[in-house]
Amino acid sequence: MMRRLLTATERKEKGVGASVEMASLYRFWRTYLRFNFHAEMYREFRSLAHEDAVQGYRFVRVCIAV
């Protein structure tokens, strides 16, 4: 829980595509959700990924496509 809060704070401070923590979280979600699907976690991943993709962060498209 605390890790997600810190990640969200860094994302907000640094902006889309500049947060190392957010990129790590996307990588985690990309792998974890493939083998351990969790609907609520997926909705959070999808929502944040969509926000970032709209602002031009292409890495999230790779994470979702895998």
PDB file of N, CA and C in Angstrom:
ATOM      1  N   MET A   1       0.829  -1.196   0.000  1.00  0.00           N
ATOM      2  CA  MET A   1       0.000   0.000   0.000  1.00  0.00           C
ATOM      3  C   MET A   1       0.871   1.257   0.000  1.00  0.00           C
ATOM      4  N   MET A   2       1.857   1.291   0.879  1.00  0.00           N
ATOM      5  CA  MET A   2       2.730   2.455   0.971  1.00  0.00           C
ATOM      6  C   MET A   2       3.515   2.642  -0.322  1.00  0.00           C
ATOM      7  N   ARG A   3       3.930   1.527  -0.925  1.00  0.00           N
ATOM      8  CA  ARG A   3       4.700   1.587  -2.170  1.00  0.00           C
ATOM      9  C   ARG A   3       3.877   2.247  -3.277  1.00  0.00           C
ATOM     10  N   ARG A   4       2.598   1.896  -3.371  1.00  0.00           N
ATOM     11  CA  ARG A   4       1.732   2.490  -4.398  1.00  0.00           C
ATOM     12  C   ARG A   4       1.546   3.976  -4.166  1.00  0.00           C
ATOM     13  N   LEU A   5       1.433   4.374  -2.912  1.00  0.00           N
ATOM     14  CA  LEU A   5       1.290   5.787  -2.587  1.00  0.00           C
ATOM     15  C   LEU A   5       2.534   6.571  -2.999  1.00  0.00           C
ATOM     16  N   LEU A   6       3.706   6.022  -2.700  1.00  0.00           N
ATOM     17  CA  LEU A   6       4.955   6.677  -3.096  1.00  0.00           C
ATOM     18  C   LEU A   6       5.089   6.748  -4.615  1.00  0.00           C
ATOM     19  N   THR A   7       4.677   5.683  -5.279  1.00  0.00           N
ATOM     20  CA  THR A   7       4.726   5.652  -6.740  1.00  0.00           C
ATOM     21  C   THR A   7       3.794   6.701  -7.334  1.00  0.00           C
ATOM     22  N   ALA A   8       2.591   6.802  -6.799  1.00  0.00           N
ATOM     23  CA  ALA A   8       1.630   7.792  -7.280  1.00  0.00           C
ATOM     24  C   ALA A   8       2.141   9.212  -7.053  1.00  0.00           C
ATOM     25  N   THR A   9       2.774   9.433  -5.909  1.00  0.00           N
ATOM     26  CA  THR A   9       3.332  10.755  -5.593  1.00  0.00           C
ATOM     27  C   THR A   9       4.438  11.109  -6.570  1.00  0.00           C
ATOM     28  N   GLU A  10       5.337  10.147  -6.827  1.00  0.00           N
ATOM     29  CA  GLU A  10       6.429  10.408  -7.770  1.00  0.00           C
ATOM     30  C   GLU A  10       5.885  10.670  -9.168  1.00  0.00           C
ATOM     31  N   ARG A  11       4.879   9.911  -9.576  1.00  0.00           N
ATOM     32  CA  ARG A  11       4.270  10.102 -10.902  1.00  0.00           C
ATOM     33  C   ARG A  11       3.697  11.507 -11.030  1.00  0.00           C
ATOM     34  N   LYS A  12       3.030  11.951  -9.973  1.00  0.00           N
ATOM     35  CA  LYS A  12       2.426  13.281  -9.983  1.00  0.00           C
ATOM     36  C   LYS A  12       3.493  14.379 -10.028  1.00  0.00           C
ATOM     37  N   GLU A  13       4.568  14.205  -9.257  1.00  0.00           N
ATOM     38  CA  GLU A  13       5.632  15.206  -9.179  1.00  0.00           C
ATOM     39  C   GLU A  13       6.452  15.285 -10.462  1.00  0.00           C
ATOM     40  N   LYS A  14       6.844  14.123 -11.000  1.00  0.00           N
ATOM     41  CA  LYS A  14       7.749  14.094 -12.152  1.00  0.00           C
ATOM     42  C   LYS A  14       7.035  14.139 -13.494  1.00  0.00           C
ATOM     43  N   GLY A  15       5.797  13.707 -13.510  1.00  0.00           N
ATOM     44  CA  GLY A  15       5.048  13.717 -14.754  1.00  0.00           C
ATOM     45  C   GLY A  15       5.092  12.384 -15.479  1.00  0.00           C
ATOM     46  N   VAL A  16       4.292  12.296 -16.496  1.00  0.00           N
ATOM     47  CA  VAL A  16       4.153  11.071 -17.274  1.00  0.00           C
ATOM     48  C   VAL A  16       5.468  10.721 -17.964  1.00  0.00           C
ATOM     49  N   GLY A  17       5.862   9.458 -17.809  1.00  0.00           N
ATOM     50  CA  GLY A  17       7.057   8.960 -18.465  1.00  0.00           C
ATOM     51  C   GLY A  17       8.360   9.251 -17.749  1.00  0.00           C
ATOM     52  N   ALA A  18       8.322   9.999 -16.667  1.00  0.00           N
ATOM     53  CA  ALA A  18       9.556  10.370 -15.971  1.00  0.00           C
ATOM     54  C   ALA A  18       9.726   9.651 -14.635  1.00  0.00           C
ATOM     55  N   SER A  19       8.760   8.882 -14.228  1.00  0.00           N
ATOM     56  CA  SER A  19       8.806   8.201 -12.934  1.00  0.00           C
ATOM     57  C   SER A  19       9.359   6.787 -13.088  1.00  0.00           C
ATOM     58  N   VAL A  20      10.501   6.551 -12.493  1.00  0.00           N
ATOM     59  CA  VAL A  20      11.114   5.223 -12.512  1.00  0.00           C
ATOM     60  C   VAL A  20      10.239   4.239 -11.745  1.00  0.00           C
ATOM     61  N   GLU A  21       9.670   4.690 -10.643  1.00  0.00           N
ATOM     62  CA  GLU A  21       8.802   3.829  -9.837  1.00  0.00           C
ATOM     63  C   GLU A  21       7.562   3.396 -10.625  1.00  0.00           C
ATOM     64  N   MET A  22       7.000   4.313 -11.386  1.00  0.00           N
ATOM     65  CA  MET A  22       5.807   3.985 -12.166  1.00  0.00           C
ATOM     66  C   MET A  22       6.149   2.974 -13.251  1.00  0.00           C
ATOM     67  N   ALA A  23       7.292   3.134 -13.891  1.00  0.00           N
ATOM     68  CA  ALA A  23       7.717   2.165 -14.912  1.00  0.00           C
ATOM     69  C   ALA A  23       7.888   0.786 -14.283  1.00  0.00           C
ATOM     70  N   SER A  24       8.433   0.744 -13.074  1.00  0.00           N
ATOM     71  CA  SER A  24       8.587  -0.536 -12.370  1.00  0.00           C
ATOM     72  C   SER A  24       7.230  -1.146 -12.052  1.00  0.00           C
ATOM     73  N   LEU A  25       6.290  -0.314 -11.641  1.00  0.00           N
ATOM     74  CA  LEU A  25       4.948  -0.807 -11.339  1.00  0.00           C
ATOM     75  C   LEU A  25       4.275  -1.346 -12.596  1.00  0.00           C
ATOM     76  N   TYR A  26       4.431  -0.649 -13.712  1.00  0.00           N
ATOM     77  CA  TYR A  26       3.875  -1.161 -14.971  1.00  0.00           C
ATOM     78  C   TYR A  26       4.490  -2.511 -15.310  1.00  0.00           C
ATOM     79  N   ARG A  27       5.802  -2.672 -15.152  1.00  0.00           N
ATOM     80  CA  ARG A  27       6.455  -3.957 -15.427  1.00  0.00           C
ATOM     81  C   ARG A  27       5.904  -5.055 -14.516  1.00  0.00           C
ATOM     82  N   PHE A  28       5.723  -4.717 -13.239  1.00  0.00           N
ATOM     83  CA  PHE A  28       5.162  -5.692 -12.299  1.00  0.00           C
ATOM     84  C   PHE A  28       3.766  -6.110 -12.747  1.00  0.00           C
ATOM     85  N   TRP A  29       2.908  -5.128 -13.009  1.00  0.00           N
ATOM     86  CA  TRP A  29       1.543  -5.440 -13.426  1.00  0.00           C
ATOM     87  C   TRP A  29       1.532  -6.289 -14.686  1.00  0.00           C
ATOM     88  N   ARG A  30       2.407  -5.938 -15.633  1.00  0.00           N
ATOM     89  CA  ARG A  30       2.460  -6.657 -16.912  1.00  0.00           C
ATOM     90  C   ARG A  30       2.694  -8.147 -16.677  1.00  0.00           C
ATOM     91  N   THR A  31       3.579  -8.477 -15.761  1.00  0.00           N
ATOM     92  CA  THR A  31       3.898  -9.873 -15.490  1.00  0.00           C
ATOM     93  C   THR A  31       2.901 -10.517 -14.539  1.00  0.00           C
ATOM     94  N   TYR A  32       2.621  -9.867 -13.434  1.00  0.00           N
ATOM     95  CA  TYR A  32       1.762 -10.438 -12.403  1.00  0.00           C
ATOM     96  C   TYR A  32       0.354 -10.734 -12.917  1.00  0.00           C
ATOM     97  N   LEU A  33      -0.225  -9.777 -13.596  1.00  0.00           N
ATOM     98  CA  LEU A  33      -1.614  -9.939 -14.031  1.00  0.00           C
ATOM     99  C   LEU A  33      -1.775 -11.022 -15.089  1.00  0.00           C
ATOM    100  N   ARG A  34      -0.726 -11.307 -15.796  1.00  0.00           N
ATOM    101  CA  ARG A  34      -0.804 -12.361 -16.807  1.00  0.00           C
ATOM    102  C   ARG A  34      -1.045 -13.726 -16.160  1.00  0.00           C
ATOM    103  N   PHE A  35      -0.441 -13.949 -15.003  1.00  0.00           N
ATOM    104  CA  PHE A  35      -0.535 -15.255 -14.349  1.00  0.00           C
ATOM    105  C   PHE A  35      -1.463 -15.279 -13.137  1.00  0.00           C
ATOM    106  N   ASN A  36      -1.785 -14.093 -12.590  1.00  0.00           N
ATOM    107  CA  ASN A  36      -2.615 -13.997 -11.389  1.00  0.00           C
ATOM    108  C   ASN A  36      -3.647 -12.889 -11.572  1.00  0.00           C
ATOM    109  N   PHE A  37      -4.576 -13.098 -12.474  1.00  0.00           N
ATOM    110  CA  PHE A  37      -5.501 -12.016 -12.795  1.00  0.00           C
ATOM    111  C   PHE A  37      -6.302 -11.588 -11.574  1.00  0.00           C
ATOM    112  N   HIS A  38      -6.358 -10.278 -11.381  1.00  0.00           N
ATOM    113  CA  HIS A  38      -7.100  -9.679 -10.274  1.00  0.00           C
ATOM    114  C   HIS A  38      -7.830  -8.481 -10.871  1.00  0.00           C
ATOM    115  N   ALA A  39      -9.148  -8.537 -10.919  1.00  0.00           N
ATOM    116  CA  ALA A  39      -9.944  -7.543 -11.631  1.00  0.00           C
ATOM    117  C   ALA A  39      -9.714  -6.114 -11.149  1.00  0.00           C
ATOM    118  N   GLU A  40      -9.694  -5.901  -9.842  1.00  0.00           N
ATOM    119  CA  GLU A  40      -9.513  -4.543  -9.311  1.00  0.00           C
ATOM    120  C   GLU A  40      -8.128  -3.992  -9.663  1.00  0.00           C
ATOM    121  N   MET A  41      -7.116  -4.832  -9.542  1.00  0.00           N
ATOM    122  CA  MET A  41      -5.753  -4.412  -9.876  1.00  0.00           C
ATOM    123  C   MET A  41      -5.656  -4.095 -11.378  1.00  0.00           C
ATOM    124  N   TYR A  42      -6.306  -4.934 -12.195  1.00  0.00           N
ATOM    125  CA  TYR A  42      -6.295  -4.698 -13.629  1.00  0.00           C
ATOM    126  C   TYR A  42      -6.970  -3.375 -13.975  1.00  0.00           C
ATOM    127  N   ARG A  43      -8.085  -3.055 -13.316  1.00  0.00           N
ATOM    128  CA  ARG A  43      -8.774  -1.783 -13.586  1.00  0.00           C
ATOM    129  C   ARG A  43      -7.874  -0.595 -13.245  1.00  0.00           C
ATOM    130  N   GLU A  44      -7.149  -0.687 -12.133  1.00  0.00           N
ATOM    131  CA  GLU A  44      -6.223   0.391 -11.761  1.00  0.00           C
ATOM    132  C   GLU A  44      -5.111   0.515 -12.809  1.00  0.00           C
ATOM    133  N   PHE A  45      -4.535  -0.605 -13.204  1.00  0.00           N
ATOM    134  CA  PHE A  45      -3.492  -0.629 -14.232  1.00  0.00           C
ATOM    135  C   PHE A  45      -4.004  -0.011 -15.530  1.00  0.00           C
ATOM    136  N   ARG A  46      -5.165  -0.462 -15.959  1.00  0.00           N
ATOM    137  CA  ARG A  46      -5.734   0.020 -17.215  1.00  0.00           C
ATOM    138  C   ARG A  46      -6.043   1.516 -17.166  1.00  0.00           C
ATOM    139  N   SER A  47      -6.579   1.986 -16.060  1.00  0.00           N
ATOM    140  CA  SER A  47      -6.911   3.398 -15.909  1.00  0.00           C
ATOM    141  C   SER A  47      -5.665   4.286 -15.971  1.00  0.00           C
ATOM    142  N   LEU A  48      -4.639   3.922 -15.195  1.00  0.00           N
ATOM    143  CA  LEU A  48      -3.398   4.707 -15.200  1.00  0.00           C
ATOM    144  C   LEU A  48      -2.702   4.617 -16.551  1.00  0.00           C
ATOM    145  N   ALA A  49      -2.701   3.432 -17.139  1.00  0.00           N
ATOM    146  CA  ALA A  49      -2.062   3.259 -18.444  1.00  0.00           C
ATOM    147  C   ALA A  49      -2.753   4.109 -19.502  1.00  0.00           C
ATOM    148  N   HIS A  50      -4.071   4.165 -19.440  1.00  0.00           N
ATOM    149  CA  HIS A  50      -4.815   4.982 -20.399  1.00  0.00           C
ATOM    150  C   HIS A  50      -4.477   6.467 -20.225  1.00  0.00           C
ATOM    151  N   GLU A  51      -4.452   6.929 -18.977  1.00  0.00           N
ATOM    152  CA  GLU A  51      -4.085   8.334 -18.713  1.00  0.00           C
ATOM    153  C   GLU A  51      -2.703   8.655 -19.284  1.00  0.00           C
ATOM    154  N   ASP A  52      -1.764   7.755 -19.047  1.00  0.00           N
ATOM    155  CA  ASP A  52      -0.401   7.988 -19.524  1.00  0.00           C
ATOM    156  C   ASP A  52      -0.311   7.900 -21.044  1.00  0.00           C
ATOM    157  N   ALA A  53      -1.018   6.952 -21.638  1.00  0.00           N
ATOM    158  CA  ALA A  53      -0.987   6.793 -23.094  1.00  0.00           C
ATOM    159  C   ALA A  53      -1.563   8.017 -23.800  1.00  0.00           C
ATOM    160  N   VAL A  54      -2.631   8.569 -23.252  1.00  0.00           N
ATOM    161  CA  VAL A  54      -3.250   9.767 -23.828  1.00  0.00           C
ATOM    162  C   VAL A  54      -2.255  10.934 -23.854  1.00  0.00           C
ATOM    163  N   GLN A  55      -1.364  10.945 -22.854  1.00  0.00           N
ATOM    164  CA  GLN A  55      -0.367  12.018 -22.777  1.00  0.00           C
ATOM    165  C   GLN A  55       0.914  11.678 -23.548  1.00  0.00           C
ATOM    166  N   GLY A  56       0.904  10.551 -24.266  1.00  0.00           N
ATOM    167  CA  GLY A  56       2.010  10.234 -25.151  1.00  0.00           C
ATOM    168  C   GLY A  56       3.056   9.276 -24.613  1.00  0.00           C
ATOM    169  N   TYR A  57       2.846   8.669 -23.463  1.00  0.00           N
ATOM    170  CA  TYR A  57       3.813   7.722 -22.901  1.00  0.00           C
ATOM    171  C   TYR A  57       3.590   6.372 -23.552  1.00  0.00           C
ATOM    172  N   ARG A  58       4.475   5.994 -24.446  1.00  0.00           N
ATOM    173  CA  ARG A  58       4.294   4.792 -25.258  1.00  0.00           C
ATOM    174  C   ARG A  58       4.599   3.497 -24.518  1.00  0.00           C
ATOM    175  N   PHE A  59       5.400   3.524 -23.480  1.00  0.00           N
ATOM    176  CA  PHE A  59       5.781   2.314 -22.763  1.00  0.00           C
ATOM    177  C   PHE A  59       4.564   1.542 -22.261  1.00  0.00           C
ATOM    178  N   VAL A  60       3.533   2.233 -21.860  1.00  0.00           N
ATOM    179  CA  VAL A  60       2.346   1.548 -21.338  1.00  0.00           C
ATOM    180  C   VAL A  60       1.657   0.711 -22.416  1.00  0.00           C
ATOM    181  N   ARG A  61       1.762   1.120 -23.647  1.00  0.00           N
ATOM    182  CA  ARG A  61       1.174   0.337 -24.728  1.00  0.00           C
ATOM    183  C   ARG A  61       1.880  -0.994 -24.863  1.00  0.00           C
ATOM    184  N   VAL A  62       3.186  -0.982 -24.667  1.00  0.00           N
ATOM    185  CA  VAL A  62       3.957  -2.215 -24.701  1.00  0.00           C
ATOM    186  C   VAL A  62       3.531  -3.120 -23.549  1.00  0.00           C
ATOM    187  N   CYS A  63       3.333  -2.546 -22.379  1.00  0.00           N
ATOM    188  CA  CYS A  63       2.945  -3.329 -21.198  1.00  0.00           C
ATOM    189  C   CYS A  63       1.574  -3.959 -21.378  1.00  0.00           C
ATOM    190  N   ILE A  64       0.663  -3.256 -21.965  1.00  0.00           N
ATOM    191  CA  ILE A  64      -0.687  -3.778 -22.146  1.00  0.00           C
ATOM    192  C   ILE A  64      -0.720  -4.814 -23.260  1.00  0.00           C
ATOM    193  N   ALA A  65       0.084  -4.628 -24.288  1.00  0.00           N
ATOM    194  CA  ALA A  65       0.075  -5.525 -25.444  1.00  0.00           C
ATOM    195  C   ALA A  65       0.689  -6.886 -25.167  1.00  0.00           C
ATOM    196  N   VAL A  66       1.509  -6.982 -24.139  1.00  0.00           N
ATOM    197  CA  VAL A  66       2.218  -8.240 -23.874  1.00  0.00           C
ATOM    198  C   VAL A  66       1.322  -9.284 -23.332  1.00  0.00           C
TER     199      VAL A  66
END
